[in-house]
Amino acid sequence: MALSSRDSFGAARSGHFCGGTLVAEDKVVTAAHCVTSSSGEIVRRPDLAVIVDRGDLESTQGREVPVSGVWVDPWYDPAADSRDVAVLTLAEPLVGHETLPLVPAGDEDYYAPGTPATVLGWGDTTGGGRYADSLHAATVPVVADSECARAYPGGRQGTFDATTMVCAGEEAGGVDACQGDSGGPLVIGGRLAGIVSWGAGCALADYPGVYTRISAVATEVQAAVDSASAAYGEGPG
């Protein structure tokens, strides 16, 4: 599903700026960097909404459900892009809509190198700023942590941290998440295994996409999902 704020991002494509995943009737998981400033503070957007049942963002099908609360992982580090995860509370539950379960905390079997994963979003399809109106899906293999660490050893391209991140992408490039896909799901084995987070460019050879590793944050995320919190900045409990 898509996150929308026309006040912040304009009316084109329904105000879309990030993706998200429905994990409970009233909870959507997305990336922390989608809802925070560069310092990690939650950005208050009064018109923040989640778009439901609208595959084509230029259409008026489906509906837009307001967001009443935003929880950000308290250990999110915007400088390092680590633990890049947030949970949105919807103003009304989406009864009857399919939800995606999380990869269990500490379960690393889902991340075996070469495992096929599906990434979805409405982001840039060319790497040159041409954003999709309709939802796109791509299949990419999980990349070994050692390979990702070589691709992102630090410096200008960023630093890969296997404790909180996972990489996926073709070695030769050509298939990847891109700008606008942030916050969207990486699905493995019918579960939410990753969140589109960052990377060097889009679909470049030897630079796979980097995703928040759900197994590393599942305990805190599930607590936020189970919480009845509906106020900005509140978390589990």
C-alpha atoms as a PDB file:
ATOM      1  CA  MET A   1       0.000   0.000   0.000  1.00  0.00           C
ATOM      2  CA  ALA A   2       1.015   3.613  -0.532  1.00  0.00           C
ATOM      3  CA  LEU A   3       1.605   6.446   1.937  1.00  0.00           C
ATOM      4  CA  SER A   4       0.141   9.789   0.912  1.00  0.00           C
ATOM      5  CA  SER A   5       0.537  13.442   1.897  1.00  0.00           C
ATOM      6  CA  ARG A   6      -0.606  15.942  -0.706  1.00  0.00           C
ATOM      7  CA  ASP A   7       0.332  18.853   1.546  1.00  0.00           C
ATOM      8  CA  SER A   8       3.956  17.708   1.573  1.00  0.00           C
ATOM      9  CA  PHE A   9       4.348  16.051  -1.838  1.00  0.00           C
ATOM     10  CA  GLY A  10       1.692  17.540  -4.124  1.00  0.00           C
ATOM     11  CA  ALA A  11      -1.450  16.127  -5.704  1.00  0.00           C
ATOM     12  CA  ALA A  12       0.182  14.088  -8.478  1.00  0.00           C
ATOM     13  CA  ARG A  13      -0.034  10.319  -8.069  1.00  0.00           C
ATOM     14  CA  SER A  14      -2.355  10.745  -5.056  1.00  0.00           C
ATOM     15  CA  GLY A  15       0.382  12.426  -3.018  1.00  0.00           C
ATOM     16  CA  HIS A  16       2.365   9.172  -2.849  1.00  0.00           C
ATOM     17  CA  PHE A  17       5.814   9.322  -1.271  1.00  0.00           C
ATOM     18  CA  CYS A  18       6.528   5.899   0.281  1.00  0.00           C
ATOM     19  CA  GLY A  19       5.190   2.370   0.567  1.00  0.00           C
ATOM     20  CA  GLY A  20       3.996   0.276   3.476  1.00  0.00           C
ATOM     21  CA  THR A  21       2.612  -3.118   4.471  1.00  0.00           C
ATOM     22  CA  LEU A  22      -0.608  -3.934   6.310  1.00  0.00           C
ATOM     23  CA  VAL A  23       0.352  -6.293   9.143  1.00  0.00           C
ATOM     24  CA  ALA A  24      -2.820  -5.940  11.247  1.00  0.00           C
ATOM     25  CA  GLU A  25      -6.242  -4.450  10.583  1.00  0.00           C
ATOM     26  CA  ASP A  26      -5.125  -1.050  11.875  1.00  0.00           C
ATOM     27  CA  LYS A  27      -1.327  -1.191  11.607  1.00  0.00           C
ATOM     28  CA  VAL A  28       1.008  -0.522   8.677  1.00  0.00           C
ATOM     29  CA  VAL A  29       4.768  -1.139   8.752  1.00  0.00           C
ATOM     30  CA  THR A  30       6.951   1.270   6.794  1.00  0.00           C
ATOM     31  CA  ALA A  31      10.467   2.754   6.924  1.00  0.00           C
ATOM     32  CA  ALA A  32      11.349   5.184   9.699  1.00  0.00           C
ATOM     33  CA  HIS A  33      13.005   7.526   7.210  1.00  0.00           C
ATOM     34  CA  CYS A  34       9.625   7.955   5.467  1.00  0.00           C
ATOM     35  CA  VAL A  35       8.092   9.612   8.526  1.00  0.00           C
ATOM     36  CA  THR A  36      11.049  11.350  10.190  1.00  0.00           C
ATOM     37  CA  SER A  37      13.416  14.228   9.559  1.00  0.00           C
ATOM     38  CA  SER A  38      17.129  13.786   8.891  1.00  0.00           C
ATOM     39  CA  SER A  39      17.676  13.963  12.659  1.00  0.00           C
ATOM     40  CA  GLY A  40      15.189  11.173  13.323  1.00  0.00           C
ATOM     41  CA  GLU A  41      12.363  13.309  14.707  1.00  0.00           C
ATOM     42  CA  ILE A  42       8.835  12.346  13.653  1.00  0.00           C
ATOM     43  CA  VAL A  43       7.481  14.743  11.010  1.00  0.00           C
ATOM     44  CA  ARG A  44       3.873  15.659  11.723  1.00  0.00           C
ATOM     45  CA  ARG A  45       1.807  15.581   8.539  1.00  0.00           C
ATOM     46  CA  PRO A  46      -1.866  16.290   9.370  1.00  0.00           C
ATOM     47  CA  ASP A  47      -3.022  14.822   6.046  1.00  0.00           C
ATOM     48  CA  LEU A  48      -0.898  11.655   6.274  1.00  0.00           C
ATOM     49  CA  ALA A  49      -2.942   8.737   4.961  1.00  0.00           C
ATOM     50  CA  VAL A  50      -2.603   5.202   3.662  1.00  0.00           C
ATOM     51  CA  ILE A  51      -4.038   4.469   0.213  1.00  0.00           C
ATOM     52  CA  VAL A  52      -5.956   1.197   0.010  1.00  0.00           C
ATOM     53  CA  ASP A  53      -7.147  -0.763  -3.051  1.00  0.00           C
ATOM     54  CA  ARG A  54      -5.721   1.711  -5.567  1.00  0.00           C
ATOM     55  CA  GLY A  55      -3.289  -0.043  -7.883  1.00  0.00           C
ATOM     56  CA  ASP A  56      -3.165   2.989 -10.191  1.00  0.00           C
ATOM     57  CA  LEU A  57      -2.249   6.102  -8.221  1.00  0.00           C
ATOM     58  CA  GLU A  58      -3.735   8.387 -10.883  1.00  0.00           C
ATOM     59  CA  SER A  59      -7.169   6.829 -10.361  1.00  0.00           C
ATOM     60  CA  THR A  60      -9.748   7.466  -7.647  1.00  0.00           C
ATOM     61  CA  GLN A  61     -10.485   3.822  -6.879  1.00  0.00           C
ATOM     62  CA  GLY A  62     -10.183   2.496  -3.349  1.00  0.00           C
ATOM     63  CA  ARG A  63      -9.912   4.900  -0.445  1.00  0.00           C
ATOM     64  CA  GLU A  64      -7.513   6.863   1.709  1.00  0.00           C
ATOM     65  CA  VAL A  65      -7.441   6.069   5.422  1.00  0.00           C
ATOM     66  CA  PRO A  66      -6.013   8.734   7.760  1.00  0.00           C
ATOM     67  CA  VAL A  67      -3.080   7.869  10.015  1.00  0.00           C
ATOM     68  CA  SER A  68      -3.722   8.621  13.679  1.00  0.00           C
ATOM     69  CA  GLY A  69      -0.402   7.523  15.181  1.00  0.00           C
ATOM     70  CA  VAL A  70       3.248   6.994  14.273  1.00  0.00           C
ATOM     71  CA  TRP A  71       5.697   4.797  16.183  1.00  0.00           C
ATOM     72  CA  VAL A  72       9.384   4.807  15.248  1.00  0.00           C
ATOM     73  CA  ASP A  73      11.884   2.256  16.519  1.00  0.00           C
ATOM     74  CA  PRO A  74      13.547   4.013  19.486  1.00  0.00           C
ATOM     75  CA  TRP A  75      16.944   2.704  18.322  1.00  0.00           C
ATOM     76  CA  TYR A  76      16.555   3.998  14.777  1.00  0.00           C
ATOM     77  CA  ASP A  77      19.798   5.666  13.688  1.00  0.00           C
ATOM     78  CA  PRO A  78      19.228   7.949  10.682  1.00  0.00           C
ATOM     79  CA  ALA A  79      22.954   8.507  10.194  1.00  0.00           C
ATOM     80  CA  ALA A  80      23.631   4.780   9.868  1.00  0.00           C
ATOM     81  CA  ASP A  81      20.217   3.840   8.393  1.00  0.00           C
ATOM     82  CA  SER A  82      19.970   1.100  11.012  1.00  0.00           C
ATOM     83  CA  ARG A  83      16.669  -0.184  12.433  1.00  0.00           C
ATOM     84  CA  ASP A  84      14.850   1.797   9.750  1.00  0.00           C
ATOM     85  CA  VAL A  85      11.300   0.836  10.730  1.00  0.00           C
ATOM     86  CA  ALA A  86       8.089   2.564  11.781  1.00  0.00           C
ATOM     87  CA  VAL A  87       4.530   1.461  12.539  1.00  0.00           C
ATOM     88  CA  LEU A  88       1.520   3.566  11.572  1.00  0.00           C
ATOM     89  CA  THR A  89      -1.803   3.319  13.389  1.00  0.00           C
ATOM     90  CA  LEU A  90      -4.820   3.799  11.124  1.00  0.00           C
ATOM     91  CA  ALA A  91      -7.788   5.900  12.200  1.00  0.00           C
ATOM     92  CA  GLU A  92     -10.082   3.017  11.271  1.00  0.00           C
ATOM     93  CA  PRO A  93      -9.374  -0.708  10.889  1.00  0.00           C
ATOM     94  CA  LEU A  94      -9.311  -2.303   7.450  1.00  0.00           C
ATOM     95  CA  VAL A  95     -11.587  -5.191   8.290  1.00  0.00           C
ATOM     96  CA  GLY A  96     -11.342  -8.072   5.861  1.00  0.00           C
ATOM     97  CA  HIS A  97      -8.123  -6.939   4.182  1.00  0.00           C
ATOM     98  CA  GLU A  98      -5.282  -9.429   3.880  1.00  0.00           C
ATOM     99  CA  THR A  99      -2.416  -8.854   6.290  1.00  0.00           C
ATOM    100  CA  LEU A 100       1.185 -10.038   6.033  1.00  0.00           C
ATOM    101  CA  PRO A 101       2.837 -11.737   9.017  1.00  0.00           C
ATOM    102  CA  LEU A 102       6.336 -10.750  10.122  1.00  0.00           C
ATOM    103  CA  VAL A 103       9.365 -13.004   9.888  1.00  0.00           C
ATOM    104  CA  PRO A 104       9.801 -14.185  13.501  1.00  0.00           C
ATOM    105  CA  ALA A 105      12.446 -12.546  15.675  1.00  0.00           C
ATOM    106  CA  GLY A 106      15.835 -14.188  15.259  1.00  0.00           C
ATOM    107  CA  ASP A 107      14.717 -16.502  12.429  1.00  0.00           C
ATOM    108  CA  GLU A 108      17.532 -16.309   9.886  1.00  0.00           C
ATOM    109  CA  ASP A 109      16.411 -19.222   7.697  1.00  0.00           C
ATOM    110  CA  TYR A 110      14.433 -16.828   5.512  1.00  0.00           C
ATOM    111  CA  TYR A 111      17.603 -14.977   4.555  1.00  0.00           C
ATOM    112  CA  ALA A 112      19.636 -17.803   3.021  1.00  0.00           C
ATOM    113  CA  PRO A 113      21.647 -16.438   0.060  1.00  0.00           C
ATOM    114  CA  GLY A 114      19.865 -16.979  -3.229  1.00  0.00           C
ATOM    115  CA  THR A 115      16.405 -17.215  -1.679  1.00  0.00           C
ATOM    116  CA  PRO A 116      13.896 -15.538  -4.023  1.00  0.00           C
ATOM    117  CA  ALA A 117      12.231 -12.449  -2.594  1.00  0.00           C
ATOM    118  CA  THR A 118       9.562 -10.127  -3.965  1.00  0.00           C
ATOM    119  CA  VAL A 119       9.760  -6.348  -3.649  1.00  0.00           C
ATOM    120  CA  LEU A 120       6.756  -4.151  -4.413  1.00  0.00           C
ATOM    121  CA  GLY A 121       6.257  -0.430  -4.927  1.00  0.00           C
ATOM    122  CA  TRP A 122       5.287   2.570  -7.031  1.00  0.00           C
ATOM    123  CA  GLY A 123       8.777   4.053  -7.170  1.00  0.00           C
ATOM    124  CA  ASP A 124      11.131   5.213  -9.903  1.00  0.00           C
ATOM    125  CA  THR A 125      11.251   2.610 -12.688  1.00  0.00           C
ATOM    126  CA  THR A 126      14.268   3.974 -14.572  1.00  0.00           C
ATOM    127  CA  GLY A 127      16.562   5.503 -11.952  1.00  0.00           C
ATOM    128  CA  GLY A 128      15.985   8.818 -13.700  1.00  0.00           C
ATOM    129  CA  GLY A 129      12.943  10.119 -11.867  1.00  0.00           C
ATOM    130  CA  ARG A 130      10.158   8.413 -13.833  1.00  0.00           C
ATOM    131  CA  TYR A 131       7.770   7.167 -11.159  1.00  0.00           C
ATOM    132  CA  ALA A 132       5.232   4.413 -11.720  1.00  0.00           C
ATOM    133  CA  ASP A 133       1.504   5.114 -11.569  1.00  0.00           C
ATOM    134  CA  SER A 134       0.693   1.429 -11.084  1.00  0.00           C
ATOM    135  CA  LEU A 135       2.029  -1.022  -8.516  1.00  0.00           C
ATOM    136  CA  HIS A 136       5.103  -2.934  -9.699  1.00  0.00           C
ATOM    137  CA  ALA A 137       6.582  -6.161  -8.330  1.00  0.00           C
ATOM    138  CA  ALA A 138      10.027  -7.647  -8.931  1.00  0.00           C
ATOM    139  CA  THR A 139      11.720 -10.854  -7.850  1.00  0.00           C
ATOM    140  CA  VAL A 140      15.262 -10.540  -6.517  1.00  0.00           C
ATOM    141  CA  PRO A 141      17.552 -13.040  -4.750  1.00  0.00           C
ATOM    142  CA  VAL A 142      18.784 -12.533  -1.199  1.00  0.00           C
ATOM    143  CA  VAL A 143      22.469 -11.573  -1.233  1.00  0.00           C
ATOM    144  CA  ALA A 144      24.964 -13.057   1.231  1.00  0.00           C
ATOM    145  CA  ASP A 145      25.865 -10.723   4.089  1.00  0.00           C
ATOM    146  CA  SER A 146      29.549 -11.006   3.190  1.00  0.00           C
ATOM    147  CA  GLU A 147      28.875  -9.835  -0.377  1.00  0.00           C
ATOM    148  CA  CYS A 148      26.774  -6.935   0.817  1.00  0.00           C
ATOM    149  CA  ALA A 149      29.480  -5.908   3.283  1.00  0.00           C
ATOM    150  CA  ARG A 150      31.962  -5.788   0.389  1.00  0.00           C
ATOM    151  CA  ALA A 151      29.560  -3.639  -1.633  1.00  0.00           C
ATOM    152  CA  TYR A 152      28.970  -1.232   1.248  1.00  0.00           C
ATOM    153  CA  PRO A 153      32.131  -1.163   3.411  1.00  0.00           C
ATOM    154  CA  GLY A 154      31.610   2.434   4.523  1.00  0.00           C
ATOM    155  CA  GLY A 155      32.263   5.860   3.142  1.00  0.00           C
ATOM    156  CA  ARG A 156      30.276   7.508   0.387  1.00  0.00           C
ATOM    157  CA  GLN A 157      28.210   4.450  -0.554  1.00  0.00           C
ATOM    158  CA  GLY A 158      27.134   3.650   3.004  1.00  0.00           C
ATOM    159  CA  THR A 159      27.845   0.934   5.553  1.00  0.00           C
ATOM    160  CA  PHE A 160      26.088  -2.424   5.606  1.00  0.00           C
ATOM    161  CA  ASP A 161      25.293  -3.828   9.059  1.00  0.00           C
ATOM    162  CA  ALA A 162      24.230  -7.470   8.926  1.00  0.00           C
ATOM    163  CA  THR A 163      22.700  -7.304  12.394  1.00  0.00           C
ATOM    164  CA  THR A 164      19.929  -4.960  11.228  1.00  0.00           C
ATOM    165  CA  MET A 165      20.035  -5.080   7.423  1.00  0.00           C
ATOM    166  CA  VAL A 166      19.714  -7.549   4.551  1.00  0.00           C
ATOM    167  CA  CYS A 167      20.541  -7.129   0.871  1.00  0.00           C
ATOM    168  CA  ALA A 168      18.730  -8.411  -2.194  1.00  0.00           C
ATOM    169  CA  GLY A 169      19.357  -7.942  -5.898  1.00  0.00           C
ATOM    170  CA  GLU A 170      20.838  -9.415  -9.053  1.00  0.00           C
ATOM    171  CA  GLU A 171      24.642  -9.400  -9.246  1.00  0.00           C
ATOM    172  CA  ALA A 172      24.448  -7.946 -12.749  1.00  0.00           C
ATOM    173  CA  GLY A 173      21.923  -5.326 -11.670  1.00  0.00           C
ATOM    174  CA  GLY A 174      18.860  -4.443 -13.684  1.00  0.00           C
ATOM    175  CA  VAL A 175      16.244  -5.277 -11.033  1.00  0.00           C
ATOM    176  CA  ASP A 176      15.921  -3.370  -7.763  1.00  0.00           C
ATOM    177  CA  ALA A 177      13.852  -1.097  -5.576  1.00  0.00           C
ATOM    178  CA  CYS A 178      14.356   2.623  -6.195  1.00  0.00           C
ATOM    179  CA  GLN A 179      13.350   6.083  -4.987  1.00  0.00           C
ATOM    180  CA  GLY A 180       9.685   6.096  -4.010  1.00  0.00           C
ATOM    181  CA  ASP A 181       9.721   2.411  -3.079  1.00  0.00           C
ATOM    182  CA  SER A 182      11.049   3.211   0.410  1.00  0.00           C
ATOM    183  CA  GLY A 183       9.011   1.644   3.182  1.00  0.00           C
ATOM    184  CA  GLY A 184       7.609  -1.017   0.887  1.00  0.00           C
ATOM    185  CA  PRO A 185       7.837  -4.749   1.546  1.00  0.00           C
ATOM    186  CA  LEU A 186      10.422  -7.395   0.785  1.00  0.00           C
ATOM    187  CA  VAL A 187       8.402 -10.609   0.944  1.00  0.00           C
ATOM    188  CA  ILE A 188       9.978 -14.032   1.491  1.00  0.00           C
ATOM    189  CA  GLY A 189       7.990 -17.196   2.054  1.00  0.00           C
ATOM    190  CA  GLY A 190       4.728 -15.326   2.514  1.00  0.00           C
ATOM    191  CA  ARG A 191       6.108 -13.113   5.298  1.00  0.00           C
ATOM    192  CA  LEU A 192       7.370  -9.558   5.617  1.00  0.00           C
ATOM    193  CA  ALA A 193      11.131 -10.120   5.677  1.00  0.00           C
ATOM    194  CA  GLY A 194      12.436  -6.661   4.848  1.00  0.00           C
ATOM    195  CA  ILE A 195      11.578  -3.000   4.354  1.00  0.00           C
ATOM    196  CA  VAL A 196      12.976  -1.006   1.437  1.00  0.00           C
ATOM    197  CA  SER A 197      15.575   1.217   3.094  1.00  0.00           C
ATOM    198  CA  TRP A 198      18.567   2.411   1.042  1.00  0.00           C
ATOM    199  CA  GLY A 199      21.202   1.575  -1.564  1.00  0.00           C
ATOM    200  CA  ALA A 200      23.661   3.046  -4.058  1.00  0.00           C
ATOM    201  CA  GLY A 201      21.653   4.194  -7.052  1.00  0.00           C
ATOM    202  CA  CYS A 202      19.038   1.831  -8.459  1.00  0.00           C
ATOM    203  CA  ALA A 203      19.631  -1.613  -9.969  1.00  0.00           C
ATOM    204  CA  LEU A 204      23.377  -1.031 -10.366  1.00  0.00           C
ATOM    205  CA  ALA A 205      25.640  -4.040 -10.816  1.00  0.00           C
ATOM    206  CA  ASP A 206      27.437  -5.033  -7.595  1.00  0.00           C
ATOM    207  CA  TYR A 207      25.269  -2.683  -5.491  1.00  0.00           C
ATOM    208  CA  PRO A 208      22.212  -4.581  -4.239  1.00  0.00           C
ATOM    209  CA  GLY A 209      19.303  -2.914  -2.496  1.00  0.00           C
ATOM    210  CA  VAL A 210      19.499  -2.717   1.297  1.00  0.00           C
ATOM    211  CA  TYR A 211      16.480  -3.557   3.445  1.00  0.00           C
ATOM    212  CA  THR A 212      15.668  -3.401   7.143  1.00  0.00           C
ATOM    213  CA  ARG A 213      16.048  -6.951   8.469  1.00  0.00           C
ATOM    214  CA  ILE A 214      12.695  -7.774  10.064  1.00  0.00           C
ATOM    215  CA  SER A 215      14.088 -10.663  12.121  1.00  0.00           C
ATOM    216  CA  ALA A 216      16.246  -8.093  13.955  1.00  0.00           C
ATOM    217  CA  VAL A 217      13.384  -5.742  14.840  1.00  0.00           C
ATOM    218  CA  ALA A 218      10.396  -8.102  14.979  1.00  0.00           C
ATOM    219  CA  THR A 219      10.045  -8.091  18.770  1.00  0.00           C
ATOM    220  CA  GLU A 220       9.726  -4.312  19.008  1.00  0.00           C
ATOM    221  CA  VAL A 221       7.629  -4.051  15.856  1.00  0.00           C
ATOM    222  CA  GLN A 222       5.185  -6.715  17.019  1.00  0.00           C
ATOM    223  CA  ALA A 223       4.832  -4.913  20.356  1.00  0.00           C
ATOM    224  CA  ALA A 224       3.994  -1.709  18.485  1.00  0.00           C
ATOM    225  CA  VAL A 225       1.529  -3.586  16.274  1.00  0.00           C
ATOM    226  CA  ASP A 226      -0.181  -5.081  19.326  1.00  0.00           C
ATOM    227  CA  SER A 227      -0.334  -1.698  21.078  1.00  0.00           C
ATOM    228  CA  ALA A 228      -3.566   0.318  21.024  1.00  0.00           C
ATOM    229  CA  SER A 229      -1.499   3.503  20.740  1.00  0.00           C
ATOM    230  CA  ALA A 230      -3.047   6.138  18.508  1.00  0.00           C
ATOM    231  CA  ALA A 231      -0.986   9.215  19.364  1.00  0.00           C
ATOM    232  CA  TYR A 232       1.974  10.537  17.412  1.00  0.00           C
ATOM    233  CA  GLY A 233       5.257   9.365  18.842  1.00  0.00           C
ATOM    234  CA  GLU A 234       3.809   6.726  21.138  1.00  0.00           C
ATOM    235  CA  GLY A 235       5.208   3.225  21.044  1.00  0.00           C
ATOM    236  CA  PRO A 236       4.463  -0.193  22.466  1.00  0.00           C
ATOM    237  CA  GLY A 237       2.897  -0.451  25.857  1.00  0.00           C
END
